[in-house]
Amino acid sequence: MSRIILFNKPFGVLSQFTLPKSDTAPAETLAEYIDIPGVYAAGRLDKDSEGLVVLTDDGNLQKRISHPKHKMPKTYWVQVEGAPGDAEINRLQRGVNLKDGTTAPAKVQPLSAPEGLWARTSPVRYRKTVPDFWLEITLTEGRNRQVRRMTAAVGCPTLRLIRVHIGPWRLGELKSGDWRQV
């Protein structure tokens, strides 16, 4: 039977168990939080992002979660700079033209600021003259830093990115830095 671990990755943590040899800057890895041999992250969540990471010891499951051909939906809560209007949201929903091609359509809807959200270790940069806004974005592809590049392309750069769903798994009430086995 496969082991499946749901982990709420904090900001600044790498989605791997060891530091890359080329990385000279100190960084935390999954090893600081999870001491279970034989499990590996299914996909990546960049160092500047937070939220749900699924770990498993099942290579086939890992592939189904992370490989783009399986189109497993991933949902993010995204705090952006500015106030996207209908035009910006429609562009995100239709697909955004990026340097590596047009993204697949995304599900995008405005979101009230999430209640009970944990404090981030490096606070979000706020500007008095520029509002911020929350969106819920669901993707079925997984390009490098895709959500950040999409929101920037429509003029609303990402300030904070939290993954809350991967396929059938939900972050739920899991606190930052905590994990549970399912």
N, C-alpha and C. Protein backbone atom coordinates (compact mmCIF):
# COMPACT_ATOMS: atom_id res chain seq x y z
N MET A 1 0.85 -1.19 0.00
CA MET A 1 0.00 0.00 0.00
C MET A 1 0.88 1.24 0.00
N SER A 2 0.53 2.18 -0.83
CA SER A 2 1.30 3.42 -0.98
C SER A 2 1.14 4.32 0.24
N ARG A 3 2.22 5.01 0.54
CA ARG A 3 2.14 6.05 1.57
C ARG A 3 1.93 7.38 0.86
N ILE A 4 1.00 8.18 1.39
CA ILE A 4 0.74 9.51 0.87
C ILE A 4 0.79 10.48 2.05
N ILE A 5 1.64 11.49 1.90
CA ILE A 5 1.83 12.52 2.93
C ILE A 5 1.38 13.85 2.34
N LEU A 6 0.56 14.59 3.08
CA LEU A 6 0.19 15.95 2.70
C LEU A 6 0.97 16.90 3.60
N PHE A 7 1.69 17.83 3.00
CA PHE A 7 2.57 18.74 3.73
C PHE A 7 2.22 20.18 3.36
N ASN A 8 2.12 21.04 4.36
CA ASN A 8 1.91 22.47 4.13
C ASN A 8 3.29 23.14 4.13
N LYS A 9 3.85 23.30 2.93
CA LYS A 9 5.20 23.83 2.78
C LYS A 9 5.23 25.31 3.11
N PRO A 10 6.09 25.69 4.06
CA PRO A 10 6.23 27.12 4.36
C PRO A 10 7.00 27.87 3.27
N PHE A 11 6.85 29.16 3.25
CA PHE A 11 7.61 30.06 2.38
C PHE A 11 9.10 29.84 2.66
N GLY A 12 9.91 29.80 1.60
CA GLY A 12 11.36 29.69 1.75
C GLY A 12 11.90 28.28 1.82
N VAL A 13 11.03 27.27 1.82
CA VAL A 13 11.47 25.87 1.90
C VAL A 13 11.51 25.28 0.49
N LEU A 14 12.59 24.55 0.19
CA LEU A 14 12.71 23.87 -1.10
C LEU A 14 11.88 22.59 -1.09
N SER A 15 11.27 22.26 -2.22
CA SER A 15 10.44 21.04 -2.35
C SER A 15 11.29 19.83 -2.66
N GLN A 16 12.36 19.64 -1.92
CA GLN A 16 13.25 18.49 -2.08
C GLN A 16 13.92 18.23 -0.74
N PHE A 17 14.57 17.06 -0.62
CA PHE A 17 15.14 16.68 0.66
C PHE A 17 16.60 17.11 0.82
N THR A 18 17.28 17.43 -0.26
CA THR A 18 18.68 17.87 -0.17
C THR A 18 18.86 19.17 -0.94
N LEU A 19 19.88 19.92 -0.55
CA LEU A 19 20.20 21.16 -1.26
C LEU A 19 20.94 20.83 -2.55
N PRO A 20 20.65 21.55 -3.62
CA PRO A 20 21.43 21.35 -4.85
C PRO A 20 22.88 21.77 -4.61
N LYS A 21 23.82 21.08 -5.25
CA LYS A 21 25.24 21.41 -5.06
C LYS A 21 25.55 22.83 -5.48
N SER A 22 24.82 23.35 -6.44
CA SER A 22 25.06 24.72 -6.93
C SER A 22 24.48 25.79 -6.01
N ASP A 23 23.67 25.38 -5.05
CA ASP A 23 23.00 26.35 -4.17
C ASP A 23 23.92 26.72 -3.02
N THR A 24 24.43 27.95 -3.04
CA THR A 24 25.31 28.40 -1.98
C THR A 24 24.56 29.11 -0.86
N ALA A 25 23.36 29.57 -1.15
CA ALA A 25 22.56 30.25 -0.13
C ALA A 25 21.92 29.21 0.79
N PRO A 26 21.98 29.43 2.10
CA PRO A 26 21.34 28.47 3.00
C PRO A 26 19.83 28.46 2.78
N ALA A 27 19.26 27.28 2.79
CA ALA A 27 17.82 27.14 2.62
C ALA A 27 17.35 25.91 3.36
N GLU A 28 16.10 25.94 3.79
CA GLU A 28 15.51 24.77 4.40
C GLU A 28 15.00 23.84 3.31
N THR A 29 14.97 22.56 3.61
CA THR A 29 14.45 21.56 2.69
C THR A 29 13.36 20.76 3.40
N LEU A 30 12.76 19.84 2.68
CA LEU A 30 11.74 18.97 3.27
C LEU A 30 12.29 18.17 4.45
N ALA A 31 13.60 17.89 4.42
CA ALA A 31 14.23 17.08 5.48
C ALA A 31 14.09 17.73 6.85
N GLU A 32 13.97 19.06 6.91
CA GLU A 32 13.80 19.73 8.20
C GLU A 32 12.40 19.50 8.79
N TYR A 33 11.48 19.00 7.98
CA TYR A 33 10.09 18.85 8.42
C TYR A 33 9.59 17.41 8.41
N ILE A 34 10.09 16.59 7.49
CA ILE A 34 9.55 15.25 7.29
C ILE A 34 10.67 14.23 7.40
N ASP A 35 10.55 13.32 8.37
CA ASP A 35 11.56 12.29 8.59
C ASP A 35 10.97 10.91 8.31
N ILE A 36 10.53 10.73 7.07
CA ILE A 36 9.97 9.44 6.66
C ILE A 36 10.78 8.97 5.46
N PRO A 37 11.50 7.87 5.60
CA PRO A 37 12.33 7.41 4.48
C PRO A 37 11.48 6.92 3.30
N GLY A 38 12.00 7.16 2.09
CA GLY A 38 11.39 6.59 0.90
C GLY A 38 10.25 7.37 0.28
N VAL A 39 9.89 8.54 0.83
CA VAL A 39 8.85 9.34 0.19
C VAL A 39 9.49 10.52 -0.52
N TYR A 40 8.87 10.92 -1.63
CA TYR A 40 9.39 12.01 -2.44
C TYR A 40 8.25 12.91 -2.88
N ALA A 41 8.58 14.19 -3.08
CA ALA A 41 7.57 15.15 -3.52
C ALA A 41 7.10 14.81 -4.92
N ALA A 42 5.79 14.82 -5.11
CA ALA A 42 5.19 14.62 -6.43
C ALA A 42 4.98 16.00 -7.03
N GLY A 43 5.95 16.46 -7.80
CA GLY A 43 5.89 17.80 -8.37
C GLY A 43 6.63 18.78 -7.48
N ARG A 44 6.63 20.00 -7.90
CA ARG A 44 7.38 21.05 -7.20
C ARG A 44 6.46 22.20 -6.82
N LEU A 45 6.89 22.89 -5.81
CA LEU A 45 6.29 24.16 -5.42
C LEU A 45 7.48 25.04 -5.12
N ASP A 46 7.66 26.14 -5.85
CA ASP A 46 8.90 26.91 -5.74
C ASP A 46 9.11 27.47 -4.34
N LYS A 47 10.34 27.85 -4.08
CA LYS A 47 10.77 28.32 -2.76
C LYS A 47 9.92 29.49 -2.26
N ASP A 48 9.47 30.35 -3.18
CA ASP A 48 8.71 31.54 -2.81
C ASP A 48 7.22 31.28 -2.64
N SER A 49 6.79 30.04 -2.84
CA SER A 49 5.38 29.69 -2.72
C SER A 49 5.15 28.83 -1.50
N GLU A 50 3.90 28.76 -1.08
CA GLU A 50 3.53 28.04 0.13
C GLU A 50 2.42 27.04 -0.19
N GLY A 51 2.16 26.16 0.75
CA GLY A 51 0.98 25.34 0.64
C GLY A 51 1.24 23.88 0.36
N LEU A 52 0.24 23.25 -0.24
CA LEU A 52 0.16 21.81 -0.35
C LEU A 52 1.23 21.19 -1.26
N VAL A 53 1.95 20.24 -0.69
CA VAL A 53 2.86 19.38 -1.43
C VAL A 53 2.46 17.95 -1.07
N VAL A 54 2.28 17.11 -2.08
CA VAL A 54 1.97 15.70 -1.86
C VAL A 54 3.27 14.92 -1.99
N LEU A 55 3.55 14.08 -1.00
CA LEU A 55 4.72 13.21 -1.05
C LEU A 55 4.23 11.77 -1.04
N THR A 56 4.95 10.90 -1.76
CA THR A 56 4.54 9.50 -1.82
C THR A 56 5.75 8.61 -2.06
N ASP A 57 5.58 7.33 -1.77
CA ASP A 57 6.61 6.34 -2.09
C ASP A 57 6.23 5.54 -3.34
N ASP A 58 5.14 5.94 -3.99
CA ASP A 58 4.63 5.25 -5.18
C ASP A 58 5.02 6.04 -6.43
N GLY A 59 5.96 5.51 -7.20
CA GLY A 59 6.45 6.19 -8.40
C GLY A 59 5.37 6.44 -9.43
N ASN A 60 4.43 5.48 -9.60
CA ASN A 60 3.34 5.68 -10.57
C ASN A 60 2.41 6.81 -10.14
N LEU A 61 2.10 6.87 -8.86
CA LEU A 61 1.26 7.95 -8.34
C LEU A 61 1.98 9.29 -8.49
N GLN A 62 3.26 9.29 -8.18
CA GLN A 62 4.07 10.50 -8.31
C GLN A 62 4.00 11.03 -9.75
N LYS A 63 4.08 10.12 -10.71
CA LYS A 63 4.02 10.49 -12.12
C LYS A 63 2.64 11.03 -12.50
N ARG A 64 1.56 10.38 -12.00
CA ARG A 64 0.20 10.84 -12.30
C ARG A 64 -0.05 12.25 -11.75
N ILE A 65 0.53 12.55 -10.61
CA ILE A 65 0.34 13.86 -9.99
C ILE A 65 1.13 14.93 -10.74
N SER A 66 2.37 14.62 -11.09
CA SER A 66 3.26 15.67 -11.59
C SER A 66 3.37 15.79 -13.10
N HIS A 67 3.09 14.73 -13.84
CA HIS A 67 3.29 14.81 -15.29
C HIS A 67 2.15 15.57 -15.95
N PRO A 68 2.48 16.57 -16.80
CA PRO A 68 1.45 17.41 -17.42
C PRO A 68 0.43 16.64 -18.26
N LYS A 69 0.80 15.49 -18.81
CA LYS A 69 -0.15 14.78 -19.68
C LYS A 69 -1.38 14.29 -18.91
N HIS A 70 -1.26 14.15 -17.59
CA HIS A 70 -2.39 13.66 -16.78
C HIS A 70 -3.35 14.79 -16.40
N LYS A 71 -2.93 16.03 -16.56
CA LYS A 71 -3.76 17.21 -16.34
C LYS A 71 -4.49 17.21 -14.98
N MET A 72 -3.77 16.79 -13.94
CA MET A 72 -4.36 16.82 -12.60
C MET A 72 -4.52 18.27 -12.16
N PRO A 73 -5.73 18.69 -11.82
CA PRO A 73 -5.93 20.09 -11.44
C PRO A 73 -5.22 20.46 -10.13
N LYS A 74 -4.69 21.67 -10.13
CA LYS A 74 -4.04 22.22 -8.94
C LYS A 74 -4.63 23.61 -8.72
N THR A 75 -5.05 23.89 -7.49
CA THR A 75 -5.72 25.14 -7.18
C THR A 75 -4.85 25.97 -6.23
N TYR A 76 -4.80 27.27 -6.53
CA TYR A 76 -3.96 28.20 -5.78
C TYR A 76 -4.78 29.38 -5.31
N TRP A 77 -4.46 29.88 -4.11
CA TRP A 77 -4.95 31.17 -3.66
C TRP A 77 -3.82 32.14 -3.96
N VAL A 78 -4.12 33.19 -4.70
CA VAL A 78 -3.09 34.09 -5.19
C VAL A 78 -3.42 35.52 -4.79
N GLN A 79 -2.54 36.11 -4.03
CA GLN A 79 -2.67 37.52 -3.69
C GLN A 79 -1.88 38.30 -4.73
N VAL A 80 -2.56 39.20 -5.42
CA VAL A 80 -1.91 39.97 -6.49
C VAL A 80 -1.89 41.45 -6.15
N GLU A 81 -0.95 42.13 -6.77
CA GLU A 81 -0.87 43.58 -6.64
C GLU A 81 -1.80 44.20 -7.68
N GLY A 82 -2.61 45.14 -7.23
CA GLY A 82 -3.58 45.75 -8.13
C GLY A 82 -4.94 45.10 -7.95
N ALA A 83 -5.89 45.56 -8.73
CA ALA A 83 -7.26 45.04 -8.66
C ALA A 83 -7.66 44.57 -10.05
N PRO A 84 -7.50 43.29 -10.34
CA PRO A 84 -7.85 42.82 -11.69
C PRO A 84 -9.34 42.98 -11.95
N GLY A 85 -9.63 43.48 -13.13
CA GLY A 85 -11.02 43.64 -13.54
C GLY A 85 -11.45 42.46 -14.39
N ASP A 86 -12.61 42.58 -15.00
CA ASP A 86 -13.13 41.50 -15.84
C ASP A 86 -12.18 41.17 -16.99
N ALA A 87 -11.55 42.19 -17.59
CA ALA A 87 -10.66 41.96 -18.73
C ALA A 87 -9.47 41.08 -18.32
N GLU A 88 -8.87 41.38 -17.18
CA GLU A 88 -7.71 40.60 -16.72
C GLU A 88 -8.12 39.18 -16.34
N ILE A 89 -9.24 39.06 -15.66
CA ILE A 89 -9.72 37.72 -15.26
C ILE A 89 -10.07 36.91 -16.50
N ASN A 90 -10.72 37.54 -17.49
CA ASN A 90 -11.04 36.83 -18.73
C ASN A 90 -9.79 36.35 -19.45
N ARG A 91 -8.74 37.18 -19.48
CA ARG A 91 -7.48 36.75 -20.11
C ARG A 91 -6.90 35.54 -19.41
N LEU A 92 -6.90 35.55 -18.07
CA LEU A 92 -6.40 34.40 -17.32
C LEU A 92 -7.24 33.15 -17.63
N GLN A 93 -8.55 33.33 -17.75
CA GLN A 93 -9.45 32.20 -18.01
C GLN A 93 -9.27 31.63 -19.41
N ARG A 94 -9.01 32.47 -20.39
CA ARG A 94 -8.84 32.02 -21.77
C ARG A 94 -7.47 31.42 -22.04
N GLY A 95 -6.47 31.85 -21.29
CA GLY A 95 -5.09 31.45 -21.53
C GLY A 95 -4.27 32.69 -21.82
N VAL A 96 -3.06 32.72 -21.30
CA VAL A 96 -2.21 33.89 -21.40
C VAL A 96 -1.02 33.55 -22.28
N ASN A 97 -0.66 34.47 -23.14
CA ASN A 97 0.50 34.29 -24.01
C ASN A 97 1.77 34.55 -23.21
N LEU A 98 2.60 33.52 -23.05
CA LEU A 98 3.87 33.64 -22.35
C LEU A 98 5.00 33.33 -23.33
N LYS A 99 6.25 33.54 -22.92
CA LYS A 99 7.39 33.28 -23.80
C LYS A 99 7.44 31.84 -24.31
N ASP A 100 6.94 30.90 -23.49
CA ASP A 100 6.97 29.49 -23.89
C ASP A 100 5.63 29.02 -24.46
N GLY A 101 4.81 29.96 -24.92
CA GLY A 101 3.54 29.62 -25.55
C GLY A 101 2.34 30.07 -24.73
N THR A 102 1.17 29.84 -25.28
CA THR A 102 -0.07 30.22 -24.60
C THR A 102 -0.45 29.15 -23.59
N THR A 103 -0.83 29.59 -22.40
CA THR A 103 -1.24 28.66 -21.36
C THR A 103 -2.61 28.08 -21.68
N ALA A 104 -2.88 26.93 -21.12
CA ALA A 104 -4.22 26.35 -21.22
C ALA A 104 -5.18 27.24 -20.43
N PRO A 105 -6.47 27.22 -20.79
CA PRO A 105 -7.44 27.98 -20.01
C PRO A 105 -7.38 27.59 -18.53
N ALA A 106 -7.62 28.57 -17.68
CA ALA A 106 -7.61 28.35 -16.24
C ALA A 106 -8.97 28.71 -15.66
N LYS A 107 -9.31 28.09 -14.55
CA LYS A 107 -10.50 28.53 -13.81
C LYS A 107 -10.02 29.62 -12.87
N VAL A 108 -10.66 30.78 -12.93
CA VAL A 108 -10.24 31.93 -12.13
C VAL A 108 -11.48 32.59 -11.55
N GLN A 109 -11.43 32.86 -10.26
CA GLN A 109 -12.52 33.61 -9.63
C GLN A 109 -11.97 34.47 -8.51
N PRO A 110 -12.60 35.62 -8.29
CA PRO A 110 -12.20 36.47 -7.17
C PRO A 110 -12.40 35.71 -5.86
N LEU A 111 -11.58 36.04 -4.88
CA LEU A 111 -11.60 35.35 -3.59
C LEU A 111 -11.50 36.39 -2.49
N SER A 112 -12.32 36.27 -1.47
CA SER A 112 -12.15 37.13 -0.29
C SER A 112 -10.84 36.74 0.37
N ALA A 113 -10.20 37.70 1.03
CA ALA A 113 -8.96 37.39 1.74
C ALA A 113 -9.21 36.21 2.67
N PRO A 114 -8.42 35.13 2.53
CA PRO A 114 -8.66 33.93 3.35
C PRO A 114 -8.54 34.24 4.84
N GLU A 115 -9.54 33.81 5.60
CA GLU A 115 -9.52 34.01 7.05
C GLU A 115 -8.63 32.98 7.71
N GLY A 116 -7.96 33.38 8.78
CA GLY A 116 -7.15 32.46 9.55
C GLY A 116 -5.86 32.06 8.85
N LEU A 117 -5.46 32.80 7.84
CA LEU A 117 -4.24 32.48 7.11
C LEU A 117 -3.03 32.73 8.00
N TRP A 118 -2.09 31.80 8.00
CA TRP A 118 -0.89 31.91 8.82
C TRP A 118 -0.03 33.08 8.34
N ALA A 119 0.75 33.62 9.26
CA ALA A 119 1.70 34.69 8.91
C ALA A 119 2.83 34.09 8.09
N ARG A 120 3.31 34.84 7.14
CA ARG A 120 4.43 34.38 6.33
C ARG A 120 5.73 34.85 6.96
N THR A 121 6.78 34.00 6.90
CA THR A 121 8.04 34.33 7.55
C THR A 121 8.70 35.58 6.96
N SER A 122 8.52 35.81 5.70
CA SER A 122 8.98 37.04 5.05
C SER A 122 7.71 37.77 4.63
N PRO A 123 7.35 38.85 5.33
CA PRO A 123 6.07 39.49 5.06
C PRO A 123 5.92 39.94 3.60
N VAL A 124 4.68 39.96 3.15
CA VAL A 124 4.36 40.43 1.80
C VAL A 124 4.59 41.94 1.77
N ARG A 125 5.13 42.40 0.66
CA ARG A 125 5.38 43.84 0.46
C ARG A 125 4.06 44.53 0.14
N TYR A 126 3.68 45.46 0.97
CA TYR A 126 2.45 46.24 0.74
C TYR A 126 2.82 47.66 0.35
N ARG A 127 2.04 48.23 -0.56
CA ARG A 127 2.22 49.63 -0.95
C ARG A 127 0.91 50.35 -0.67
N LYS A 128 1.01 51.47 0.02
CA LYS A 128 -0.18 52.22 0.42
C LYS A 128 -1.02 52.67 -0.78
N THR A 129 -0.38 52.96 -1.90
CA THR A 129 -1.09 53.52 -3.04
C THR A 129 -1.58 52.46 -4.03
N VAL A 130 -1.23 51.19 -3.80
CA VAL A 130 -1.63 50.13 -4.73
C VAL A 130 -2.41 49.07 -3.95
N PRO A 131 -3.65 48.80 -4.35
CA PRO A 131 -4.44 47.79 -3.64
C PRO A 131 -3.91 46.38 -3.92
N ASP A 132 -4.31 45.46 -3.10
CA ASP A 132 -4.03 44.05 -3.39
C ASP A 132 -5.36 43.31 -3.43
N PHE A 133 -5.35 42.15 -4.05
CA PHE A 133 -6.58 41.43 -4.37
C PHE A 133 -6.27 39.93 -4.34
N TRP A 134 -7.23 39.11 -3.98
CA TRP A 134 -7.04 37.65 -3.96
C TRP A 134 -7.83 37.01 -5.09
N LEU A 135 -7.23 36.01 -5.71
CA LEU A 135 -7.86 35.20 -6.75
C LEU A 135 -7.70 33.73 -6.39
N GLU A 136 -8.64 32.92 -6.83
CA GLU A 136 -8.48 31.46 -6.79
C GLU A 136 -8.26 31.02 -8.23
N ILE A 137 -7.13 30.37 -8.49
CA ILE A 137 -6.77 29.96 -9.84
C ILE A 137 -6.54 28.45 -9.85
N THR A 138 -7.22 27.75 -10.79
CA THR A 138 -7.03 26.31 -10.96
C THR A 138 -6.43 26.06 -12.33
N LEU A 139 -5.31 25.36 -12.35
CA LEU A 139 -4.59 25.01 -13.59
C LEU A 139 -4.61 23.50 -13.80
N THR A 140 -4.48 23.10 -15.06
CA THR A 140 -4.33 21.67 -15.36
C THR A 140 -3.01 21.39 -16.06
N GLU A 141 -2.14 22.40 -16.09
CA GLU A 141 -0.78 22.20 -16.60
C GLU A 141 0.16 22.76 -15.54
N GLY A 142 1.42 22.47 -15.65
CA GLY A 142 2.34 22.89 -14.60
C GLY A 142 3.65 23.43 -15.13
N ARG A 143 3.59 24.57 -15.78
CA ARG A 143 4.83 25.18 -16.25
C ARG A 143 5.56 25.85 -15.09
N ASN A 144 6.85 26.05 -15.27
CA ASN A 144 7.68 26.68 -14.26
C ASN A 144 7.14 28.07 -13.91
N ARG A 145 6.84 28.28 -12.63
CA ARG A 145 6.36 29.56 -12.10
C ARG A 145 5.18 30.12 -12.90
N GLN A 146 4.32 29.22 -13.35
CA GLN A 146 3.25 29.58 -14.28
C GLN A 146 2.29 30.62 -13.73
N VAL A 147 1.79 30.43 -12.52
CA VAL A 147 0.81 31.38 -11.97
C VAL A 147 1.43 32.76 -11.87
N ARG A 148 2.65 32.84 -11.39
CA ARG A 148 3.33 34.13 -11.26
C ARG A 148 3.50 34.81 -12.62
N ARG A 149 3.88 34.03 -13.63
CA ARG A 149 4.06 34.60 -14.96
C ARG A 149 2.73 35.03 -15.58
N MET A 150 1.67 34.26 -15.32
CA MET A 150 0.35 34.61 -15.85
C MET A 150 -0.17 35.92 -15.25
N THR A 151 -0.10 36.04 -13.92
CA THR A 151 -0.63 37.26 -13.30
C THR A 151 0.20 38.48 -13.69
N ALA A 152 1.51 38.31 -13.82
CA ALA A 152 2.36 39.42 -14.26
C ALA A 152 1.99 39.84 -15.68
N ALA A 153 1.70 38.87 -16.54
CA ALA A 153 1.38 39.16 -17.95
C ALA A 153 0.09 39.98 -18.08
N VAL A 154 -0.82 39.87 -17.10
CA VAL A 154 -2.05 40.66 -17.17
C VAL A 154 -1.97 41.93 -16.31
N GLY A 155 -0.75 42.24 -15.82
CA GLY A 155 -0.53 43.48 -15.09
C GLY A 155 -0.81 43.44 -13.61
N CYS A 156 -0.92 42.24 -13.03
CA CYS A 156 -1.20 42.11 -11.60
C CYS A 156 -0.21 41.11 -11.00
N PRO A 157 1.02 41.55 -10.70
CA PRO A 157 2.04 40.62 -10.20
C PRO A 157 1.62 39.92 -8.90
N THR A 158 2.06 38.69 -8.76
CA THR A 158 1.76 37.89 -7.58
C THR A 158 2.58 38.38 -6.39
N LEU A 159 1.90 38.58 -5.27
CA LEU A 159 2.55 38.92 -4.01
C LEU A 159 2.71 37.67 -3.13
N ARG A 160 1.71 36.81 -3.14
CA ARG A 160 1.72 35.60 -2.31
C ARG A 160 0.98 34.52 -3.06
N LEU A 161 1.53 33.29 -3.01
CA LEU A 161 0.94 32.17 -3.74
C LEU A 161 0.86 30.97 -2.80
N ILE A 162 -0.35 30.44 -2.63
CA ILE A 162 -0.58 29.31 -1.73
C ILE A 162 -1.34 28.23 -2.49
N ARG A 163 -0.74 27.04 -2.62
CA ARG A 163 -1.46 25.93 -3.27
C ARG A 163 -2.34 25.26 -2.22
N VAL A 164 -3.63 25.10 -2.56
CA VAL A 164 -4.59 24.56 -1.59
C VAL A 164 -5.19 23.22 -2.00
N HIS A 165 -5.11 22.84 -3.29
CA HIS A 165 -5.65 21.56 -3.77
C HIS A 165 -4.71 20.98 -4.81
N ILE A 166 -4.58 19.67 -4.80
CA ILE A 166 -3.95 18.92 -5.88
C ILE A 166 -4.85 17.72 -6.11
N GLY A 167 -5.54 17.69 -7.26
CA GLY A 167 -6.46 16.59 -7.53
C GLY A 167 -7.42 16.41 -6.37
N PRO A 168 -7.48 15.20 -5.78
CA PRO A 168 -8.44 14.94 -4.70
C PRO A 168 -7.96 15.40 -3.32
N TRP A 169 -6.72 15.87 -3.20
CA TRP A 169 -6.16 16.21 -1.89
C TRP A 169 -6.29 17.70 -1.62
N ARG A 170 -6.64 18.02 -0.38
CA ARG A 170 -6.87 19.40 0.03
C ARG A 170 -5.95 19.75 1.21
N LEU A 171 -5.54 21.00 1.25
CA LEU A 171 -4.71 21.48 2.35
C LEU A 171 -5.50 21.45 3.65
N GLY A 172 -6.75 21.85 3.58
CA GLY A 172 -7.62 21.84 4.77
C GLY A 172 -7.07 22.70 5.88
N GLU A 173 -7.11 22.18 7.09
CA GLU A 173 -6.70 22.93 8.28
C GLU A 173 -5.23 22.72 8.63
N LEU A 174 -4.47 22.12 7.75
CA LEU A 174 -3.06 21.84 8.00
C LEU A 174 -2.29 23.15 8.17
N LYS A 175 -1.62 23.30 9.30
CA LYS A 175 -0.88 24.53 9.57
C LYS A 175 0.46 24.53 8.82
N SER A 176 0.99 25.70 8.57
CA SER A 176 2.26 25.83 7.87
C SER A 176 3.36 25.03 8.59
N GLY A 177 4.05 24.17 7.84
CA GLY A 177 5.11 23.35 8.41
C GLY A 177 4.64 22.00 8.95
N ASP A 178 3.34 21.77 8.97
CA ASP A 178 2.79 20.50 9.46
C ASP A 178 2.47 19.56 8.30
N TRP A 179 2.39 18.28 8.62
CA TRP A 179 2.04 17.27 7.63
C TRP A 179 1.16 16.21 8.28
N ARG A 180 0.49 15.46 7.40
CA ARG A 180 -0.31 14.32 7.88
C ARG A 180 -0.28 13.24 6.82
N GLN A 181 -0.40 12.00 7.25
CA GLN A 181 -0.46 10.88 6.33
C GLN A 181 -1.92 10.57 6.03
N VAL A 182 -2.23 10.28 4.75
CA VAL A 182 -3.61 9.95 4.37
C VAL A 182 -3.68 8.55 3.83
